[in-house]
Structure formats: C-alpha cells, structure tokens
C-alpha atoms as a PDB file:
ATOM      1  CA  ARG A   1      56.421 -34.877 -28.468  1.00  0.00           C
ATOM      2  CA  SER A   2      53.690 -36.421 -26.323  1.00  0.00           C
ATOM      3  CA  LYS A   3      50.066 -36.796 -27.376  1.00  0.00           C
ATOM      4  CA  THR A   4      49.075 -34.126 -24.877  1.00  0.00           C
ATOM      5  CA  ASP A   5      51.368 -31.580 -26.521  1.00  0.00           C
ATOM      6  CA  GLU A   6      50.021 -32.515 -29.935  1.00  0.00           C
ATOM      7  CA  SER A   7      46.405 -32.091 -28.781  1.00  0.00           C
ATOM      8  CA  GLU A   8      47.244 -28.739 -27.227  1.00  0.00           C
ATOM      9  CA  ASN A   9      48.963 -27.602 -30.407  1.00  0.00           C
ATOM     10  CA  GLY A  10      46.044 -28.811 -32.559  1.00  0.00           C
ATOM     11  CA  SER A  11      43.444 -27.069 -30.399  1.00  0.00           C
ATOM     12  CA  CYS A  12      45.514 -23.857 -30.467  1.00  0.00           C
ATOM     13  CA  MET A  13      45.724 -23.981 -34.276  1.00  0.00           C
ATOM     14  CA  LYS A  14      42.006 -24.738 -34.632  1.00  0.00           C
ATOM     15  CA  GLU A  15      41.188 -21.838 -32.377  1.00  0.00           C
ATOM     16  CA  SER A  16      43.425 -19.547 -34.448  1.00  0.00           C
ATOM     17  CA  PHE A  17      41.720 -20.655 -37.652  1.00  0.00           C
ATOM     18  CA  SER A  18      38.184 -20.341 -36.250  1.00  0.00           C
ATOM     19  CA  GLN A  19      38.868 -16.724 -35.167  1.00  0.00           C
ATOM     20  CA  LEU A  20      39.298 -15.670 -38.806  1.00  0.00           C
ATOM     21  CA  ASN A  21      35.658 -16.462 -39.715  1.00  0.00           C
ATOM     22  CA  ALA A  22      36.775 -17.298 -43.294  1.00  0.00           C
ATOM     23  CA  THR A  23      37.302 -20.320 -45.515  1.00  0.00           C
ATOM     24  CA  CYS A  24      40.643 -21.478 -46.841  1.00  0.00           C
ATOM     25  CA  ALA A  25      39.640 -20.578 -50.407  1.00  0.00           C
ATOM     26  CA  ASN A  26      39.118 -16.937 -49.425  1.00  0.00           C
ATOM     27  CA  LEU A  27      42.463 -16.414 -47.605  1.00  0.00           C
ATOM     28  CA  ASP A  28      44.605 -13.535 -48.854  1.00  0.00           C
ATOM     29  CA  ASP A  29      48.247 -12.798 -48.062  1.00  0.00           C
ATOM     30  CA  THR A  30      47.432 -10.777 -44.954  1.00  0.00           C
ATOM     31  CA  MET A  31      45.367 -13.638 -43.514  1.00  0.00           C
ATOM     32  CA  LEU A  32      48.061 -16.158 -44.463  1.00  0.00           C
ATOM     33  CA  ASN A  33      50.676 -14.063 -42.641  1.00  0.00           C
ATOM     34  CA  TYR A  34      48.375 -13.823 -39.633  1.00  0.00           C
ATOM     35  CA  LEU A  35      47.758 -17.612 -39.568  1.00  0.00           C
ATOM     36  CA  ALA A  36      51.445 -18.371 -39.995  1.00  0.00           C
ATOM     37  CA  LEU A  37      52.305 -16.128 -37.025  1.00  0.00           C
ATOM     38  CA  ARG A  38      49.553 -17.682 -34.932  1.00  0.00           C
ATOM     39  CA  PHE A  39      50.725 -21.211 -35.804  1.00  0.00           C
ATOM     40  CA  THR A  40      54.306 -20.193 -34.858  1.00  0.00           C
ATOM     41  CA  ILE A  41      53.107 -18.900 -31.472  1.00  0.00           C
ATOM     42  CA  CYS A  42      51.136 -22.115 -30.899  1.00  0.00           C
ATOM     43  CA  HIS A  43      54.228 -24.158 -31.767  1.00  0.00           C
ATOM     44  CA  PHE A  44      56.384 -22.213 -29.289  1.00  0.00           C
ATOM     45  CA  GLN A  45      53.765 -22.454 -26.555  1.00  0.00           C
ATOM     46  CA  THR A  46      53.471 -26.217 -27.055  1.00  0.00           C
ATOM     47  CA  LEU A  47      57.266 -26.616 -26.704  1.00  0.00           C
ATOM     48  CA  LYS A  48      57.266 -24.287 -23.668  1.00  0.00           C
ATOM     49  CA  ARG A  49      59.582 -21.912 -25.508  1.00  0.00           C
ATOM     50  CA  GLU A  50      59.564 -18.149 -25.086  1.00  0.00           C
ATOM     51  CA  PHE A  51      58.110 -15.931 -27.782  1.00  0.00           C
ATOM     52  CA  PRO A  52      58.341 -12.111 -27.906  1.00  0.00           C
ATOM     53  CA  GLU A  53      55.683 -10.767 -25.554  1.00  0.00           C
ATOM     54  CA  GLN A  54      54.782  -7.787 -27.766  1.00  0.00           C
ATOM     55  CA  CYS A  55      53.676 -10.199 -30.524  1.00  0.00           C
ATOM     56  CA  VAL A  56      51.561 -12.298 -28.174  1.00  0.00           C
ATOM     57  CA  HIS A  57      49.803  -9.244 -26.673  1.00  0.00           C
ATOM     58  CA  ALA A  58      49.415  -7.493 -30.050  1.00  0.00           C
ATOM     59  CA  LEU A  59      47.446 -10.391 -31.565  1.00  0.00           C
ATOM     60  CA  PRO A  60      44.741 -11.147 -32.693  1.00  0.00           C
ATOM     61  CA  SER A  61      44.959  -7.884 -34.638  1.00  0.00           C
ATOM     62  CA  ILE A  62      45.739  -8.774 -38.283  1.00  0.00           C
ATOM     63  CA  GLU A  63      47.246  -5.338 -38.962  1.00  0.00           C
ATOM     64  CA  SER A  64      49.908  -5.886 -36.270  1.00  0.00           C
ATOM     65  CA  VAL A  65      51.555  -8.877 -38.033  1.00  0.00           C
ATOM     66  CA  ALA A  66      54.067  -6.740 -39.980  1.00  0.00           C
ATOM     67  CA  GLU A  67      55.113  -4.824 -36.864  1.00  0.00           C
ATOM     68  CA  CYS A  68      55.579  -8.077 -34.950  1.00  0.00           C
ATOM     69  CA  THR A  69      57.715  -9.875 -37.565  1.00  0.00           C
ATOM     70  CA  LYS A  70      60.231  -6.968 -37.689  1.00  0.00           C
ATOM     71  CA  ASN A  71      61.539  -7.813 -34.199  1.00  0.00           C
ATOM     72  CA  LEU A  72      61.792 -11.603 -34.640  1.00  0.00           C
ATOM     73  CA  SER A  73      65.150 -13.300 -34.494  1.00  0.00           C
ATOM     74  CA  GLU A  74      66.552 -15.124 -37.526  1.00  0.00           C
ATOM     75  CA  ILE A  75      65.689 -18.585 -36.178  1.00  0.00           C
ATOM     76  CA  THR A  76      62.165 -17.551 -35.124  1.00  0.00           C
ATOM     77  CA  PHE A  77      61.593 -15.800 -38.456  1.00  0.00           C
ATOM     78  CA  SER A  78      62.814 -18.952 -40.283  1.00  0.00           C
ATOM     79  CA  ILE A  79      60.274 -21.054 -38.367  1.00  0.00           C
ATOM     80  CA  TYR A  80      57.608 -18.458 -39.167  1.00  0.00           C
ATOM     81  CA  THR A  81      58.574 -18.659 -42.896  1.00  0.00           C
ATOM     82  CA  GLN A  82      58.219 -22.449 -42.889  1.00  0.00           C
ATOM     83  CA  PHE A  83      54.793 -22.195 -41.336  1.00  0.00           C
ATOM     84  CA  TYR A  84      53.857 -19.538 -43.924  1.00  0.00           C
ATOM     85  CA  THR A  85      54.886 -21.933 -46.727  1.00  0.00           C
ATOM     86  CA  HIS A  86      52.571 -24.670 -45.426  1.00  0.00           C
ATOM     87  CA  THR A  87      49.813 -22.412 -44.064  1.00  0.00           C
ATOM     88  CA  ARG A  88      47.350 -22.952 -46.899  1.00  0.00           C
ATOM     89  CA  ALA A  89      47.808 -26.749 -46.748  1.00  0.00           C
ATOM     90  CA  SER A  90      47.484 -26.667 -42.962  1.00  0.00           C
ATOM     91  CA  CYS A  91      44.376 -24.508 -43.389  1.00  0.00           C
ATOM     92  CA  TYR A  92      42.702 -27.121 -45.598  1.00  0.00           C
ATOM     93  CA  PHE A  93      43.744 -29.829 -43.160  1.00  0.00           C
ATOM     94  CA  LEU A  94      42.272 -27.956 -40.198  1.00  0.00           C
ATOM     95  CA  GLU A  95      39.152 -27.107 -42.166  1.00  0.00           C
ATOM     96  CA  SER A  96      38.610 -30.775 -43.092  1.00  0.00           C
ATOM     97  CA  LYS A  97      39.288 -31.809 -39.511  1.00  0.00           C
ATOM     98  CA  LEU A  98      36.790 -29.317 -38.159  1.00  0.00           C
ATOM     99  CA  TRP A  99      34.266 -30.509 -40.751  1.00  0.00           C
ATOM    100  CA  GLN A 100      34.876 -34.142 -39.742  1.00  0.00           C
ATOM    101  CA  GLU A 101      34.397 -33.317 -36.057  1.00  0.00           C
ATOM    102  CA  LYS A 102      31.217 -31.412 -36.823  1.00  0.00           C
ATOM    103  CA  THR A 103      30.007 -34.290 -39.024  1.00  0.00           C
ATOM    104  CA  HIS A 104      30.802 -36.802 -36.294  1.00  0.00           C
ATOM    105  CA  ARG A 105      28.846 -34.777 -33.744  1.00  0.00           C
ATOM    106  CA  THR A 106      25.940 -34.446 -36.156  1.00  0.00           C
ATOM    107  CA  ILE A 107      25.860 -38.191 -36.815  1.00  0.00           C
ATOM    108  CA  SER A 108      26.003 -38.899 -33.080  1.00  0.00           C
ATOM    109  CA  ARG A 109      23.099 -36.546 -32.479  1.00  0.00           C
ATOM    110  CA  LEU A 110      21.151 -38.125 -35.341  1.00  0.00           C
ATOM    111  CA  GLY A 111      21.708 -41.535 -33.758  1.00  0.00           C
ATOM    112  CA  GLU A 112      20.484 -40.287 -30.405  1.00  0.00           C
ATOM    113  CA  VAL A 113      17.449 -38.695 -32.070  1.00  0.00           C
ATOM    114  CA  ALA A 114      16.737 -41.956 -33.940  1.00  0.00           C
ATOM    115  CA  ASP A 115      16.899 -43.990 -30.712  1.00  0.00           C
ATOM    116  CA  PHE A 116      14.672 -41.485 -28.966  1.00  0.00           C
ATOM    117  CA  SER A 117      12.195 -41.523 -31.882  1.00  0.00           C
ATOM    118  CA  ALA A 118      12.080 -45.327 -31.832  1.00  0.00           C
ATOM    119  CA  ASN A 119      11.313 -45.322 -28.126  1.00  0.00           C
ATOM    120  CA  LEU A 120       8.597 -42.723 -28.690  1.00  0.00           C
ATOM    121  CA  ILE A 121       7.026 -44.772 -31.487  1.00  0.00           C
ATOM    122  CA  GLU A 122       7.067 -47.901 -29.329  1.00  0.00           C
ATOM    123  CA  GLN A 123       5.508 -46.011 -26.434  1.00  0.00           C
ATOM    124  CA  SER A 124       2.943 -44.498 -28.810  1.00  0.00           C
ATOM    125  CA  LEU A 125       1.888 -47.974 -29.947  1.00  0.00           C
ATOM    126  CA  VAL A 126       1.414 -49.071 -26.350  1.00  0.00           C
ATOM    127  CA  ASN A 127      -0.557 -45.912 -25.608  1.00  0.00           C
ATOM    128  CA  SER A 128      -2.695 -46.459 -28.716  1.00  0.00           C
ATOM    129  CA  ASP A 129      -3.725 -49.932 -27.494  1.00  0.00           C
ATOM    130  CA  THR A 130      -4.534 -48.515 -24.097  1.00  0.00           C
ATOM    131  CA  LEU A 131      -6.493 -45.676 -25.710  1.00  0.00           C
ATOM    132  CA  ILE A 132      -8.540 -48.070 -27.835  1.00  0.00           C
ATOM    133  CA  LYS A 133      -9.485 -50.107 -24.758  1.00  0.00           C
ATOM    134  CA  GLY A 134     -10.340 -46.913 -22.912  1.00  0.00           C
ATOM    135  CA  GLN A 135     -12.527 -45.710 -25.775  1.00  0.00           C
ATOM    136  CA  ALA A 136     -14.476 -48.981 -25.743  1.00  0.00           C
ATOM    137  CA  GLU A 137     -15.068 -48.643 -22.008  1.00  0.00           C
ATOM    138  CA  LEU A 138     -16.078 -45.012 -22.445  1.00  0.00           C
ATOM    139  CA  HIS A 139     -18.528 -45.947 -25.176  1.00  0.00           C
ATOM    140  CA  ALA A 140     -20.208 -48.473 -22.867  1.00  0.00           C
ATOM    141  CA  LYS A 141     -20.375 -45.953 -20.047  1.00  0.00           C
ATOM    142  CA  ALA A 142     -21.670 -43.314 -22.448  1.00  0.00           C
ATOM    143  CA  SER A 143     -24.546 -45.595 -23.355  1.00  0.00           C
ATOM    144  CA  GLN A 144     -25.380 -46.053 -19.668  1.00  0.00           C
ATOM    145  CA  LEU A 145     -25.162 -42.322 -19.095  1.00  0.00           C
ATOM    146  CA  SER A 146     -27.443 -41.691 -22.071  1.00  0.00           C
ATOM    147  CA  ASP A 147     -30.109 -43.890 -20.501  1.00  0.00           C
ATOM    148  CA  LYS A 148     -29.729 -42.151 -17.163  1.00  0.00           C
ATOM    149  CA  HIS A 149     -29.792 -38.777 -18.911  1.00  0.00           C
ATOM    150  CA  ASP A 150     -33.231 -39.488 -20.354  1.00  0.00           C
ATOM    151  CA  GLY A 151     -34.565 -40.240 -16.860  1.00  0.00           C
ATOM    152  CA  LEU A 152     -32.875 -37.177 -15.415  1.00  0.00           C
ATOM    153  CA  HIS A 153     -34.282 -35.031 -18.209  1.00  0.00           C
ATOM    154  CA  ASP A 154     -37.840 -35.991 -17.231  1.00  0.00           C
ATOM    155  CA  LYS A 155     -37.090 -35.266 -13.575  1.00  0.00           C
ATOM    156  CA  MET A 156     -35.503 -31.953 -14.511  1.00  0.00           C
ATOM    157  CA  ASP A 157     -38.623 -30.920 -16.405  1.00  0.00           C
ATOM    158  CA  THR A 158     -40.751 -31.708 -13.373  1.00  0.00           C
ATOM    159  CA  ASN A 159     -38.365 -29.870 -11.050  1.00  0.00           C
ATOM    160  CA  HIS A 160     -38.268 -26.925 -13.442  1.00  0.00           C
ATOM    161  CA  GLN A 161     -42.038 -26.555 -13.249  1.00  0.00           C
ATOM    162  CA  LYS A 162     -41.896 -26.716  -9.459  1.00  0.00           C
ATOM    163  CA  MET A 163     -39.089 -24.164  -9.409  1.00  0.00           C
ATOM    164  CA  ASP A 164     -41.179 -21.788 -11.530  1.00  0.00           C
ATOM    165  CA  GLU A 165     -44.048 -22.064  -9.072  1.00  0.00           C
ATOM    166  CA  LEU A 166     -41.652 -21.590  -6.147  1.00  0.00           C
ATOM    167  CA  THR A 167     -40.110 -18.560  -7.840  1.00  0.00           C
ATOM    168  CA  GLN A 168     -43.503 -16.968  -8.291  1.00  0.00           C
ATOM    169  CA  ASP A 169     -44.324 -17.559  -4.608  1.00  0.00           C
ATOM    170  CA  ILE A 170     -40.947 -16.109  -3.562  1.00  0.00           C
ATOM    171  CA  ASN A 171     -41.550 -13.031  -5.701  1.00  0.00           C
ATOM    172  CA  LYS A 172     -44.905 -12.505  -4.011  1.00  0.00           C
ATOM    173  CA  TYR A 173     -43.374 -12.831  -0.543  1.00  0.00           C
ATOM    174  CA  TYR A 174     -40.512 -10.581  -1.590  1.00  0.00           C
ATOM    175  CA  ASN A 175     -42.920  -7.860  -2.715  1.00  0.00           C
ATOM    176  CA  MET A 176     -44.812  -8.174   0.557  1.00  0.00           C
ATOM    177  CA  VAL A 177     -41.619  -7.949   2.616  1.00  0.00           C
ATOM    178  CA  TYR A 178     -40.410  -4.999   0.536  1.00  0.00           C
ATOM    179  CA  ASP A 179     -43.678  -3.152   1.139  1.00  0.00           C
ATOM    180  CA  MET A 180     -43.438  -3.878   4.875  1.00  0.00           C
ATOM    181  CA  LEU A 181     -39.840  -2.661   5.000  1.00  0.00           C
ATOM    182  CA  SER A 182     -40.778   0.515   3.142  1.00  0.00           C
ATOM    183  CA  LEU A 183     -43.602   1.113   5.598  1.00  0.00           C
ATOM    184  CA  LEU A 184     -41.281   0.488   8.554  1.00  0.00           C
ATOM    185  CA  SER A 185     -38.681   2.820   7.062  1.00  0.00           C
ATOM    186  CA  ASN A 186     -41.214   5.615   6.653  1.00  0.00           C
ATOM    187  CA  SER A 187     -42.523   4.979  10.173  1.00  0.00           C
ATOM    188  CA  SER A 188     -39.017   5.105  11.640  1.00  0.00           C
ATOM    189  CA  VAL A 189     -38.338   8.413   9.869  1.00  0.00           C
ATOM    190  CA  ARG A 190     -41.576   9.895  11.190  1.00  0.00           C
ATOM    191  CA  LEU A 191     -40.888   8.497  14.656  1.00  0.00           C
ATOM    192  CA  GLU A 192     -37.413  10.031  14.630  1.00  0.00           C
ATOM    193  CA  GLN A 193     -38.863  13.384  13.570  1.00  0.00           C
ATOM    194  CA  MET A 194     -41.502  13.159  16.320  1.00  0.00           C
ATOM    195  CA  LEU A 195     -38.859  12.183  18.866  1.00  0.00           C
ATOM    196  CA  SER A 196     -36.676  15.110  17.827  1.00  0.00           C
ATOM    197  CA  LEU A 197     -39.685  17.422  18.152  1.00  0.00           C
ATOM    198  CA  VAL A 198     -40.596  16.067  21.603  1.00  0.00           C
ATOM    199  CA  MET A 199     -37.000  16.257  22.775  1.00  0.00           C
ATOM    200  CA  GLY A 200     -36.759  19.820  21.479  1.00  0.00           C
ATOM    201  CA  GLU A 201     -39.956  20.841  23.235  1.00  0.00           C
ATOM    202  CA  SER A 202     -38.901  19.153  26.471  1.00  0.00           C
ATOM    203  CA  GLN A 203     -35.525  20.835  26.241  1.00  0.00           C
ATOM    204  CA  GLN A 204     -37.170  24.223  25.747  1.00  0.00           C
ATOM    205  CA  LEU A 205     -39.511  23.611  28.709  1.00  0.00           C
ATOM    206  CA  SER A 206     -36.685  22.449  30.940  1.00  0.00           C
ATOM    207  CA  SER A 207     -34.580  25.457  29.898  1.00  0.00           C
ATOM    208  CA  PHE A 208     -37.445  27.837  30.684  1.00  0.00           C
ATOM    209  CA  LEU A 209     -38.097  26.291  34.089  1.00  0.00           C
ATOM    210  CA  PHE A 210     -34.400  26.139  35.006  1.00  0.00           C
ATOM    211  CA  TYR A 211     -33.542  29.694  34.030  1.00  0.00           C
ATOM    212  CA  PHE A 212     -36.789  31.085  35.449  1.00  0.00           C
ATOM    213  CA  THR A 213     -36.072  29.390  38.775  1.00  0.00           C
ATOM    214  CA  LEU A 214     -32.435  30.511  38.673  1.00  0.00           C
ATOM    215  CA  THR A 215     -33.449  34.122  37.901  1.00  0.00           C
ATOM    216  CA  LEU A 216     -36.015  34.121  40.717  1.00  0.00           C
ATOM    217  CA  MET A 217     -33.466  32.762  43.161  1.00  0.00           C
ATOM    218  CA  THR A 218     -31.014  35.429  41.997  1.00  0.00           C
ATOM    219  CA  PHE A 219     -33.506  38.199  42.805  1.00  0.00           C
ATOM    220  CA  LEU A 220     -34.290  36.663  46.199  1.00  0.00           C
ATOM    221  CA  LEU A 221     -30.627  36.165  47.149  1.00  0.00           C
ATOM    222  CA  THR A 222     -29.594  39.662  46.047  1.00  0.00           C
ATOM    223  CA  MET A 223     -32.358  41.505  47.879  1.00  0.00           C
ATOM    224  CA  PRO A 224     -30.168  42.263  50.945  1.00  0.00           C
ATOM    225  CA  SER A 225     -27.937  45.284  50.559  1.00  0.00           C
ATOM    226  CA  ARG A 226     -24.879  43.175  51.255  1.00  0.00           C
ATOM    227  CA  THR A 227     -25.424  41.047  48.094  1.00  0.00           C
ATOM    228  CA  ASN A 228     -27.311  43.583  45.990  1.00  0.00           C
ATOM    229  CA  ALA A 229     -24.231  44.438  43.916  1.00  0.00           C
ATOM    230  CA  ALA A 230     -23.982  40.830  42.612  1.00  0.00           C
ATOM    231  CA  ARG A 231     -27.423  40.907  40.937  1.00  0.00           C
ATOM    232  CA  LEU A 232     -26.302  42.436  37.637  1.00  0.00           C
ATOM    233  CA  LYS A 233     -23.287  40.125  37.321  1.00  0.00           C
ATOM    234  CA  MET A 234     -25.326  37.012  38.053  1.00  0.00           C
ATOM    235  CA  LEU A 235     -28.137  37.979  35.664  1.00  0.00           C
ATOM    236  CA  SER A 236     -25.644  38.790  32.897  1.00  0.00           C
ATOM    237  CA  PHE A 237     -23.921  35.419  33.340  1.00  0.00           C
ATOM    238  CA  ILE A 238     -27.270  33.560  33.325  1.00  0.00           C
ATOM    239  CA  VAL A 239     -28.489  35.350  30.168  1.00  0.00           C
ATOM    240  CA  LEU A 240     -25.196  34.647  28.377  1.00  0.00           C
ATOM    241  CA  HIS A 241     -25.373  30.940  29.238  1.00  0.00           C
ATOM    242  CA  PHE A 242     -29.034  30.780  28.113  1.00  0.00           C
ATOM    243  CA  ILE A 243     -28.196  32.296  24.705  1.00  0.00           C
ATOM    244  CA  LEU A 244     -25.247  29.903  24.191  1.00  0.00           C
ATOM    245  CA  GLU A 245     -27.391  26.910  25.155  1.00  0.00           C
ATOM    246  CA  ARG A 246     -30.142  27.781  22.683  1.00  0.00           C
ATOM    247  CA  LEU A 247     -27.671  28.392  19.843  1.00  0.00           C
ATOM    248  CA  SER A 248     -25.909  25.095  20.582  1.00  0.00           C
ATOM    249  CA  PHE A 249     -29.200  23.189  20.610  1.00  0.00           C
ATOM    250  CA  SER A 250     -30.220  24.686  17.251  1.00  0.00           C
ATOM    251  CA  ALA A 251     -26.895  23.601  15.719  1.00  0.00           C
ATOM    252  CA  VAL A 252     -26.902  20.086  17.231  1.00  0.00           C
ATOM    253  CA  SER A 253     -30.556  19.295  16.415  1.00  0.00           C
ATOM    254  CA  SER A 254     -29.702  19.188  12.690  1.00  0.00           C
ATOM    255  CA  PHE A 255     -27.319  16.207  13.181  1.00  0.00           C
ATOM    256  CA  GLY A 256     -29.838  13.693  14.605  1.00  0.00           C
ATOM    257  CA  SER A 257     -31.185  12.297  17.865  1.00  0.00           C
ATOM    258  CA  ASP A 258     -27.888  10.657  18.879  1.00  0.00           C
ATOM    259  CA  TYR A 259     -26.157  14.008  19.142  1.00  0.00           C
ATOM    260  CA  ILE A 260     -29.163  15.524  20.938  1.00  0.00           C
ATOM    261  CA  SER A 261     -28.958  12.939  23.747  1.00  0.00           C
ATOM    262  CA  LEU A 262     -25.270  13.728  24.116  1.00  0.00           C
ATOM    263  CA  PHE A 263     -26.141  17.433  24.159  1.00  0.00           C
ATOM    264  CA  PHE A 264     -28.601  16.890  27.039  1.00  0.00           C
ATOM    265  CA  THR A 265     -25.865  15.191  29.054  1.00  0.00           C
ATOM    266  CA  LEU A 266     -23.455  18.069  28.470  1.00  0.00           C
ATOM    267  CA  THR A 267     -26.224  20.587  29.249  1.00  0.00           C
ATOM    268  CA  CYS A 268     -26.658  19.123  32.745  1.00  0.00           C
ATOM    269  CA  TYR A 269     -22.976  19.723  33.485  1.00  0.00           C
ATOM    270  CA  THR A 270     -23.003  23.235  32.063  1.00  0.00           C
ATOM    271  CA  ARG A 271     -26.105  24.167  34.119  1.00  0.00           C
ATOM    272  CA  PHE A 272     -24.439  22.831  37.223  1.00  0.00           C
ATOM    273  CA  PHE A 273     -21.426  24.979  36.365  1.00  0.00           C
ATOM    274  CA  THR A 274     -23.735  28.002  35.917  1.00  0.00           C
ATOM    275  CA  VAL A 275     -25.218  27.508  39.393  1.00  0.00           C
ATOM    276  CA  LEU A 276     -21.758  27.189  40.938  1.00  0.00           C
ATOM    277  CA  MET A 277     -20.519  30.333  39.195  1.00  0.00           C
ATOM    278  CA  SER A 278     -23.607  32.291  40.304  1.00  0.00           C
ATOM    279  CA  LEU A 279     -23.065  31.200  43.909  1.00  0.00           C
ATOM    280  CA  PHE A 280     -19.395  32.117  43.620  1.00  0.00           C
ATOM    281  CA  LEU A 281     -20.298  35.629  42.408  1.00  0.00           C
ATOM    282  CA  LEU A 282     -22.837  35.958  45.247  1.00  0.00           C
ATOM    283  CA  VAL A 283     -20.387  34.829  47.944  1.00  0.00           C
ATOM    284  CA  HIS A 284     -17.545  36.912  46.534  1.00  0.00           C
ATOM    285  CA  THR A 285     -19.698  40.067  46.432  1.00  0.00           C
ATOM    286  CA  GLY A 286     -21.067  39.489  49.929  1.00  0.00           C
ATOM    287  CA  TYR A 287     -17.608  38.838  51.329  1.00  0.00           C
ATOM    288  CA  ASN A 288     -16.138  42.002  49.791  1.00  0.00           C
ATOM    289  CA  HIS A 289     -19.171  44.209  50.629  1.00  0.00           C
ATOM    290  CA  ARG A 290     -18.676  47.445  52.542  1.00  0.00           C
ATOM    291  CA  ASP A 291     -21.686  49.149  54.306  1.00  0.00           C
ATOM    292  CA  TYR A 292     -20.886  52.733  53.456  1.00  0.00           C
ATOM    293  CA  GLU A 293     -24.049  54.146  55.169  1.00  0.00           C
ATOM    294  CA  THR A 294     -23.056  52.638  58.525  1.00  0.00           C
ATOM    295  CA  LEU A 295     -19.528  53.911  58.078  1.00  0.00           C
ATOM    296  CA  LEU A 296     -20.843  57.425  57.340  1.00  0.00           C
ATOM    297  CA  SER A 297     -23.111  57.386  60.396  1.00  0.00           C
ATOM    298  CA  VAL A 298     -20.234  56.310  62.622  1.00  0.00           C
ATOM    299  CA  ILE A 299     -18.016  59.026  61.140  1.00  0.00           C
ATOM    300  CA  ASN A 300     -20.750  61.653  61.670  1.00  0.00           C
ATOM    301  CA  THR A 301     -21.213  60.522  65.275  1.00  0.00           C
ATOM    302  CA  LYS A 302     -17.517  60.860  65.966  1.00  0.00           C
ATOM    303  CA  LEU A 303     -17.466  64.278  64.313  1.00  0.00           C
ATOM    304  CA  ASP A 304     -20.400  65.435  66.472  1.00  0.00           C
ATOM    305  CA  GLU A 305     -18.618  64.216  69.570  1.00  0.00           C
ATOM    306  CA  GLU A 306     -15.439  66.062  68.600  1.00  0.00           C
ATOM    307  CA  ARG A 307     -17.435  69.212  67.855  1.00  0.00           C
ATOM    308  CA  SER A 308     -19.115  69.052  71.266  1.00  0.00           C
ATOM    309  CA  GLU A 309     -15.780  68.550  72.949  1.00  0.00           C
ATOM    310  CA  ASN A 310     -14.291  71.468  71.013  1.00  0.00           C
ATOM    311  CA  LYS A 311     -17.234  73.647  72.000  1.00  0.00           C
ATOM    312  CA  LYS A 312     -16.799  72.764  75.658  1.00  0.00           C
ATOM    313  CA  PHE A 313     -13.062  73.412  75.390  1.00  0.00           C
ATOM    314  CA  ARG A 314     -13.732  76.883  73.894  1.00  0.00           C
ATOM    315  CA  GLU A 315     -16.163  77.748  76.657  1.00  0.00           C
ATOM    316  CA  ILE A 316     -13.577  76.736  79.248  1.00  0.00           C
ATOM    317  CA  ILE A 317     -10.957  78.862  77.540  1.00  0.00           C
ATOM    318  CA  GLN A 318     -13.313  81.880  77.381  1.00  0.00           C
ATOM    319  CA  LYS A 319     -14.064  81.587  81.106  1.00  0.00           C
END
C-alpha cells in the first residue's frame, strides 16, 4: 500500500478511537467490538473495497454492532475477528501516537512561546534604557517647571485679587441692569395695558360714530314711501352686526394687543359688508315696491267712469 493509503487508514482509526471518549484501560467488550468494526470499515475504505451499507450508516451507534455483524460474509467476519483480536493493542498504539502528537504540538508551542518571550525581554531591556533616559530628561524639565511655577503662582495671586475686584464690580453692574430690566418690564406691561385701554376706547367711539351715522342714514333713506318698508330690515341687520362686533371685541381683547390690531382690520371689512348689505336691502325694497294708494285711486277713477257710463246708458234705455 502507498503512504497516502496508510495515512488515510491511520487518520480513520484515530478518528474512530477519539469518538469513544474513553481510555484503552477502560474499554469493555462492547467498546472493543465497536472499535474492531470501525477498524474493519476503515481498512475496507482504504483498499477501496465495498462494505455493507447498512453497517456504515448504522454506525457510530455502539448498540448496532451486533445487528451489523450478523449480515457479514465469512471473509469479512474473519477480517473483523482479526481486528477484534488486536484491538486492545491497536488501541494502546493509537493512544500513544495521539499522546506523542499532542506532546509534539505542546513542545512546538512552548518553543514558540520561549522565542516570543526572549524577544519581549530583549525589547523590554531596550525600552528600559530609553525610559531611564526619558526620566532624566523629565526630571530636568520638572525642575525648570518648578521654577516657573513659583513665578506663575505669584502672578496668579495678583490676578486672583484683580479678578475678585472685577467680580464685585460686575455684580454691581449686574444688579443695576437687573433693576433697570425689571423697571422696563413693569413699564412695558403698564404701557400694554394702557394701549389696550386706549384701543378699546377708540374702538368703542368709532363703533358708536359708525353705527349712529349708519342708523341716521337709514332713517333718511327710508323716509320716502317707496323705501319705507326696508327700514325695519336695515335696522335689524345693523343692530345684529353691532352686537356681534361688541361680543367679538370682548373675546379678542383678552388675548393681547396683537389680536386686537388684527380685529380692527377685520372690523373694517365687516363694516363695509354691512353698508353694502344695507344698500342692497334698500335697493331691493325700492325696486319691488308697489304704490297701492295710487293703484286704488286709479281703480276708483275707472269705476266712477264706468258708473257714469252705465247711468247714461240706463237713461238712454229709459227714454
């Protein structure tokens, strides 16, 4: 057999032994039977010979060894028996070989660790020399810094005194500025209240003048009989708009002067709309007006004429 076949066979046997997780001294008959069957399968696989498939698939279950050996041929069973005879010796051989390989790997690792440790020690010595030189330089610089520190300490004391004086001055100015800001804040609040009061009074005055003028114009425009019927509608619409405007101003005035200025702008548009609607009611009433007194006089005149004609016709008939 070639060396490749031997290495394959050896690795197969070592794998079979390592799967047991036991030492050769603790092997019982069941384990010996299992190892013998595994060694037989490895031997057949190395020689590229066929082995019953049910045995190959049934392993590595130790309990399936007896079932597998029942179906072996005489030659295969004879090979299995030979392996069983030498299984314990082969086990010790494989165990010693595995121990040697593990020992060899351990020694190799120890050698690598020793080389690495030697390099580290050598590097540590170099670093120690560098560190000693650095410490000497640091000591010299520390002495210089100590001298400078004494000078800086005196300057710091002087600056500290000046900073205390400056802090006291800043606190005085801060208190003055705070008092001024408080005064300005109170003044702005009072000014805003005064502005709201003035704007409210001006709004009330403007509302009074506008609605008084609009009511007066309504009476003047509805004096003719043709537009007299529109007076009640126009006055009702004006009163309704006045009430809504006052309620809206009372609600908006509680939100601040910004909303009041916006309210004044909207009030101008709503008043313009009120004037337009009043004129529309006036024109619509005048256009649809009917002079019932004139119509009655015309009807009475025609009736008188017909009565006179009937009277004349009766007199003619009587004659």
